[in-house]
């Protein structure tokens, strides 16, 4: 399973970085979901997370599951408190104008699996 850097991921989905995060982290898989309890209960530890949720609780789930990058798809804008919390927790927070589907296709093209 290939490991991809956060920079490679951001480039593939034409992401705008909202919080830098730890640029040394890599991921080999992706979690997709908007229901926070689904992501918390799933096998998402250490994965990139694609969502359209933009509120503060997203950061809490990312901390719990050691998620190094949150990708907010479909052109949505994160709440300011989410951006601040991600910066404080060293979690990359990025946005993409791509739909969730197209975001996942681009990540799959990088060799990442779900």
N, C-alpha and C. Protein backbone atom coordinates (compact mmCIF):
# COMPACT_ATOMS: atom_id res chain seq x y z
N UNK A 1 0.84 -1.17 0.00
CA UNK A 1 0.00 0.00 0.00
C UNK A 1 0.89 1.25 0.00
N UNK A 2 0.74 2.12 -0.98
CA UNK A 2 1.61 3.30 -1.04
C UNK A 2 1.30 4.31 0.06
N UNK A 3 2.33 4.98 0.51
CA UNK A 3 2.18 6.08 1.47
C UNK A 3 2.29 7.37 0.70
N UNK A 4 1.41 8.29 0.98
CA UNK A 4 1.42 9.59 0.30
C UNK A 4 1.59 10.71 1.31
N UNK A 5 2.36 11.70 0.92
CA UNK A 5 2.55 12.86 1.80
C UNK A 5 1.32 13.76 1.73
N UNK A 6 1.21 14.61 2.72
CA UNK A 6 0.10 15.56 2.72
C UNK A 6 0.22 16.51 1.53
N UNK A 7 1.45 16.84 1.15
CA UNK A 7 1.66 17.71 -0.02
C UNK A 7 1.17 17.04 -1.30
N UNK A 8 1.43 15.75 -1.46
CA UNK A 8 0.96 15.03 -2.65
C UNK A 8 -0.56 15.01 -2.69
N UNK A 9 -1.17 14.80 -1.53
CA UNK A 9 -2.63 14.77 -1.45
C UNK A 9 -3.20 16.12 -1.83
N UNK A 10 -2.66 17.18 -1.26
CA UNK A 10 -3.16 18.53 -1.54
C UNK A 10 -3.03 18.87 -3.02
N UNK A 11 -1.94 18.49 -3.63
CA UNK A 11 -1.73 18.75 -5.04
C UNK A 11 -2.77 18.01 -5.89
N UNK A 12 -3.03 16.76 -5.56
CA UNK A 12 -3.95 15.93 -6.35
C UNK A 12 -5.38 16.45 -6.32
N UNK A 13 -5.78 17.07 -5.22
CA UNK A 13 -7.17 17.54 -5.10
C UNK A 13 -7.28 19.06 -5.23
N UNK A 14 -6.18 19.71 -5.61
CA UNK A 14 -6.15 21.17 -5.77
C UNK A 14 -6.67 21.85 -4.50
N UNK A 15 -6.10 21.46 -3.39
CA UNK A 15 -6.58 21.91 -2.08
C UNK A 15 -6.06 23.28 -1.70
N UNK A 16 -6.88 23.98 -0.94
CA UNK A 16 -6.45 25.21 -0.28
C UNK A 16 -6.17 24.85 1.17
N UNK A 17 -4.97 25.12 1.63
CA UNK A 17 -4.58 24.78 3.00
C UNK A 17 -5.13 25.84 3.94
N UNK A 18 -5.90 25.38 4.94
CA UNK A 18 -6.46 26.28 5.96
C UNK A 18 -5.67 26.20 7.25
N UNK A 19 -5.14 25.02 7.57
CA UNK A 19 -4.24 24.80 8.70
C UNK A 19 -3.15 23.85 8.22
N UNK A 20 -1.91 24.19 8.46
CA UNK A 20 -0.77 23.47 7.87
C UNK A 20 -0.64 22.02 8.33
N UNK A 21 -0.76 21.76 9.61
CA UNK A 21 -0.59 20.40 10.11
C UNK A 21 0.87 19.98 10.10
N UNK A 22 1.09 18.70 10.31
CA UNK A 22 2.43 18.12 10.37
C UNK A 22 2.80 17.59 8.99
N UNK A 23 3.63 18.32 8.29
CA UNK A 23 3.98 17.96 6.91
C UNK A 23 4.80 16.69 6.80
N UNK A 24 5.27 16.14 7.92
CA UNK A 24 6.04 14.90 7.86
C UNK A 24 5.14 13.66 7.87
N UNK A 25 3.86 13.85 8.15
CA UNK A 25 2.94 12.71 8.20
C UNK A 25 2.62 12.21 6.79
N UNK A 26 2.36 10.92 6.70
CA UNK A 26 1.91 10.31 5.45
C UNK A 26 0.66 9.49 5.74
N UNK A 27 -0.07 9.18 4.68
CA UNK A 27 -1.25 8.32 4.81
C UNK A 27 -1.24 7.30 3.69
N UNK A 28 -1.89 6.17 3.96
CA UNK A 28 -2.00 5.14 2.94
C UNK A 28 -3.46 4.80 2.63
N UNK A 29 -4.37 5.44 3.38
CA UNK A 29 -5.79 5.16 3.13
C UNK A 29 -6.64 6.37 3.47
N UNK A 30 -7.91 6.26 3.11
CA UNK A 30 -8.85 7.37 3.22
C UNK A 30 -10.10 6.91 3.93
N UNK A 31 -10.61 7.75 4.82
CA UNK A 31 -11.92 7.56 5.44
C UNK A 31 -12.85 8.61 4.85
N UNK A 32 -14.07 8.21 4.53
CA UNK A 32 -15.04 9.13 3.96
C UNK A 32 -16.31 9.03 4.77
N UNK A 33 -16.79 10.16 5.25
CA UNK A 33 -18.05 10.15 5.99
C UNK A 33 -18.35 11.48 6.63
N UNK A 34 -19.63 11.76 6.76
CA UNK A 34 -20.08 12.99 7.38
C UNK A 34 -20.71 12.76 8.74
N UNK A 35 -21.01 11.53 9.06
CA UNK A 35 -21.55 11.20 10.36
C UNK A 35 -20.37 10.93 11.29
N UNK A 36 -20.18 11.81 12.27
CA UNK A 36 -18.98 11.73 13.11
C UNK A 36 -18.87 10.39 13.83
N UNK A 37 -19.99 9.85 14.30
CA UNK A 37 -19.94 8.57 15.00
C UNK A 37 -19.52 7.44 14.07
N UNK A 38 -19.84 7.55 12.79
CA UNK A 38 -19.42 6.54 11.81
C UNK A 38 -17.90 6.56 11.67
N UNK A 39 -17.32 7.74 11.58
CA UNK A 39 -15.87 7.87 11.46
C UNK A 39 -15.19 7.41 12.75
N UNK A 40 -15.76 7.77 13.89
CA UNK A 40 -15.19 7.35 15.18
C UNK A 40 -15.23 5.84 15.34
N UNK A 41 -16.28 5.21 14.87
CA UNK A 41 -16.44 3.77 15.04
C UNK A 41 -15.74 2.93 13.98
N UNK A 42 -15.33 3.57 12.91
CA UNK A 42 -14.73 2.84 11.80
C UNK A 42 -13.23 2.70 11.93
N UNK A 43 -12.65 2.07 10.95
CA UNK A 43 -11.21 1.85 10.90
C UNK A 43 -10.54 3.04 10.22
N UNK A 44 -10.61 4.20 10.87
CA UNK A 44 -10.10 5.42 10.26
C UNK A 44 -8.82 5.93 10.91
N UNK A 45 -8.26 5.18 11.85
CA UNK A 45 -7.04 5.63 12.53
C UNK A 45 -5.94 5.93 11.52
N UNK A 46 -5.42 7.16 11.57
CA UNK A 46 -4.30 7.54 10.73
C UNK A 46 -4.62 7.80 9.27
N UNK A 47 -5.91 7.77 8.91
CA UNK A 47 -6.31 7.95 7.52
C UNK A 47 -6.52 9.43 7.20
N UNK A 48 -6.51 9.77 5.93
CA UNK A 48 -7.01 11.07 5.48
C UNK A 48 -8.53 10.99 5.57
N UNK A 49 -9.18 12.07 5.98
CA UNK A 49 -10.63 12.07 6.16
C UNK A 49 -11.27 13.07 5.21
N UNK A 50 -12.18 12.59 4.36
CA UNK A 50 -12.92 13.43 3.43
C UNK A 50 -14.34 13.61 3.99
N UNK A 51 -14.77 14.87 4.10
CA UNK A 51 -16.08 15.19 4.65
C UNK A 51 -16.58 16.51 4.09
N UNK A 52 -17.84 16.83 4.37
CA UNK A 52 -18.35 18.17 4.10
C UNK A 52 -18.70 18.88 5.40
N UNK A 53 -18.48 18.20 6.52
CA UNK A 53 -18.73 18.81 7.83
C UNK A 53 -17.70 19.91 8.08
N UNK A 54 -18.12 21.01 8.67
CA UNK A 54 -17.24 22.17 8.82
C UNK A 54 -17.18 22.70 10.25
N UNK A 55 -17.74 21.98 11.21
CA UNK A 55 -17.83 22.49 12.57
C UNK A 55 -16.72 21.95 13.47
N UNK A 56 -16.60 22.52 14.65
CA UNK A 56 -15.52 22.23 15.58
C UNK A 56 -15.40 20.77 15.96
N UNK A 57 -16.49 20.04 16.06
CA UNK A 57 -16.43 18.65 16.50
C UNK A 57 -15.64 17.75 15.55
N UNK A 58 -15.46 18.19 14.31
CA UNK A 58 -14.64 17.43 13.36
C UNK A 58 -13.22 17.28 13.90
N UNK A 59 -12.69 18.34 14.48
CA UNK A 59 -11.32 18.29 15.02
C UNK A 59 -11.22 17.29 16.17
N UNK A 60 -12.24 17.22 17.00
CA UNK A 60 -12.23 16.28 18.13
C UNK A 60 -12.14 14.84 17.63
N UNK A 61 -12.87 14.53 16.59
CA UNK A 61 -12.82 13.18 16.02
C UNK A 61 -11.44 12.92 15.42
N UNK A 62 -10.89 13.90 14.74
CA UNK A 62 -9.55 13.75 14.15
C UNK A 62 -8.49 13.49 15.22
N UNK A 63 -8.60 14.18 16.34
CA UNK A 63 -7.66 13.95 17.45
C UNK A 63 -7.84 12.53 17.98
N UNK A 64 -9.07 12.13 18.20
CA UNK A 64 -9.37 10.79 18.74
C UNK A 64 -8.83 9.68 17.84
N UNK A 65 -8.94 9.86 16.54
CA UNK A 65 -8.57 8.82 15.58
C UNK A 65 -7.18 9.04 14.95
N UNK A 66 -6.41 10.01 15.46
CA UNK A 66 -5.07 10.31 14.95
C UNK A 66 -5.08 10.55 13.44
N UNK A 67 -6.06 11.31 12.98
CA UNK A 67 -6.21 11.65 11.57
C UNK A 67 -5.31 12.86 11.28
N UNK A 68 -4.35 12.72 10.36
CA UNK A 68 -3.41 13.82 10.12
C UNK A 68 -3.92 14.90 9.17
N UNK A 69 -4.95 14.58 8.38
CA UNK A 69 -5.47 15.56 7.42
C UNK A 69 -6.98 15.41 7.27
N UNK A 70 -7.66 16.53 7.40
CA UNK A 70 -9.10 16.61 7.15
C UNK A 70 -9.27 17.35 5.83
N UNK A 71 -10.00 16.73 4.92
CA UNK A 71 -10.27 17.32 3.62
C UNK A 71 -11.76 17.68 3.58
N UNK A 72 -12.05 18.95 3.50
CA UNK A 72 -13.43 19.39 3.37
C UNK A 72 -13.69 19.62 1.89
N UNK A 73 -14.57 18.80 1.34
CA UNK A 73 -14.83 18.80 -0.10
C UNK A 73 -16.01 19.69 -0.47
N UNK A 74 -16.25 19.75 -1.76
CA UNK A 74 -17.42 20.42 -2.34
C UNK A 74 -17.44 21.93 -2.12
N UNK A 75 -16.27 22.53 -1.97
CA UNK A 75 -16.20 23.98 -1.86
C UNK A 75 -16.70 24.57 -0.56
N UNK A 76 -16.85 23.74 0.45
CA UNK A 76 -17.35 24.24 1.75
C UNK A 76 -16.22 24.92 2.52
N UNK A 77 -16.60 25.84 3.37
CA UNK A 77 -15.64 26.64 4.15
C UNK A 77 -15.72 26.22 5.61
N UNK A 78 -14.57 25.91 6.23
CA UNK A 78 -14.60 25.49 7.63
C UNK A 78 -14.89 26.67 8.57
N UNK A 79 -15.50 26.35 9.70
CA UNK A 79 -15.72 27.35 10.74
C UNK A 79 -14.36 27.81 11.26
N UNK A 80 -14.31 29.05 11.71
CA UNK A 80 -13.04 29.59 12.21
C UNK A 80 -12.52 28.80 13.40
N UNK A 81 -13.42 28.35 14.29
CA UNK A 81 -12.96 27.60 15.45
C UNK A 81 -12.41 26.23 15.06
N UNK A 82 -12.92 25.64 13.98
CA UNK A 82 -12.35 24.38 13.48
C UNK A 82 -10.94 24.62 12.94
N UNK A 83 -10.77 25.66 12.18
CA UNK A 83 -9.45 25.98 11.64
C UNK A 83 -8.44 26.23 12.77
N UNK A 84 -8.85 26.98 13.77
CA UNK A 84 -7.97 27.28 14.90
C UNK A 84 -7.62 26.01 15.67
N UNK A 85 -8.59 25.16 15.90
CA UNK A 85 -8.33 23.92 16.65
C UNK A 85 -7.39 23.00 15.88
N UNK A 86 -7.59 22.90 14.57
CA UNK A 86 -6.70 22.06 13.76
C UNK A 86 -5.28 22.60 13.81
N UNK A 87 -5.12 23.90 13.71
CA UNK A 87 -3.79 24.50 13.80
C UNK A 87 -3.17 24.19 15.15
N UNK A 88 -3.95 24.29 16.21
CA UNK A 88 -3.47 24.03 17.56
C UNK A 88 -3.11 22.56 17.77
N UNK A 89 -3.82 21.66 17.13
CA UNK A 89 -3.60 20.21 17.28
C UNK A 89 -2.63 19.67 16.24
N UNK A 90 -2.10 20.54 15.35
CA UNK A 90 -1.17 20.14 14.30
C UNK A 90 -1.79 19.15 13.31
N UNK A 91 -3.07 19.39 12.99
CA UNK A 91 -3.81 18.60 12.01
C UNK A 91 -3.96 19.46 10.76
N UNK A 92 -3.61 18.91 9.62
CA UNK A 92 -3.81 19.64 8.36
C UNK A 92 -5.30 19.73 8.08
N UNK A 93 -5.75 20.92 7.76
CA UNK A 93 -7.14 21.15 7.36
C UNK A 93 -7.10 21.82 6.01
N UNK A 94 -7.71 21.15 5.02
CA UNK A 94 -7.69 21.68 3.66
C UNK A 94 -9.10 21.64 3.08
N UNK A 95 -9.32 22.50 2.09
CA UNK A 95 -10.59 22.51 1.39
C UNK A 95 -10.33 22.27 -0.09
N UNK A 96 -11.33 21.69 -0.74
CA UNK A 96 -11.24 21.45 -2.18
C UNK A 96 -12.59 21.77 -2.80
N UNK A 97 -12.55 22.34 -3.98
CA UNK A 97 -13.78 22.60 -4.72
C UNK A 97 -14.32 21.34 -5.38
N UNK A 98 -13.52 20.27 -5.40
CA UNK A 98 -13.98 19.00 -5.98
C UNK A 98 -15.11 18.42 -5.13
N UNK A 99 -16.02 17.71 -5.77
CA UNK A 99 -17.06 16.99 -5.04
C UNK A 99 -16.42 15.89 -4.19
N UNK A 100 -17.18 15.34 -3.29
CA UNK A 100 -16.65 14.22 -2.50
C UNK A 100 -16.23 13.09 -3.43
N UNK A 101 -17.07 12.78 -4.41
CA UNK A 101 -16.75 11.70 -5.34
C UNK A 101 -15.44 11.98 -6.08
N UNK A 102 -15.33 13.17 -6.67
CA UNK A 102 -14.12 13.50 -7.43
C UNK A 102 -12.89 13.58 -6.53
N UNK A 103 -13.06 14.01 -5.29
CA UNK A 103 -11.95 13.99 -4.33
C UNK A 103 -11.47 12.57 -4.12
N UNK A 104 -12.42 11.67 -3.91
CA UNK A 104 -12.06 10.27 -3.68
C UNK A 104 -11.43 9.63 -4.91
N UNK A 105 -11.90 9.98 -6.09
CA UNK A 105 -11.29 9.47 -7.33
C UNK A 105 -9.84 9.92 -7.41
N UNK A 106 -9.59 11.20 -7.13
CA UNK A 106 -8.23 11.73 -7.19
C UNK A 106 -7.32 11.04 -6.16
N UNK A 107 -7.85 10.78 -4.98
CA UNK A 107 -7.07 10.09 -3.95
C UNK A 107 -6.82 8.63 -4.34
N UNK A 108 -7.81 8.01 -4.95
CA UNK A 108 -7.64 6.64 -5.46
C UNK A 108 -6.58 6.59 -6.55
N UNK A 109 -6.55 7.61 -7.40
CA UNK A 109 -5.53 7.68 -8.45
C UNK A 109 -4.13 7.77 -7.87
N UNK A 110 -4.02 8.25 -6.63
CA UNK A 110 -2.71 8.28 -5.93
C UNK A 110 -2.35 6.91 -5.35
N UNK A 111 -3.28 5.98 -5.42
CA UNK A 111 -3.04 4.65 -4.87
C UNK A 111 -3.57 4.46 -3.46
N UNK A 112 -4.28 5.47 -2.95
CA UNK A 112 -4.85 5.35 -1.60
C UNK A 112 -6.15 4.54 -1.68
N UNK A 113 -6.39 3.75 -0.66
CA UNK A 113 -7.61 2.94 -0.62
C UNK A 113 -8.47 3.36 0.56
N UNK A 114 -9.69 2.87 0.57
CA UNK A 114 -10.63 3.21 1.64
C UNK A 114 -10.70 2.17 2.70
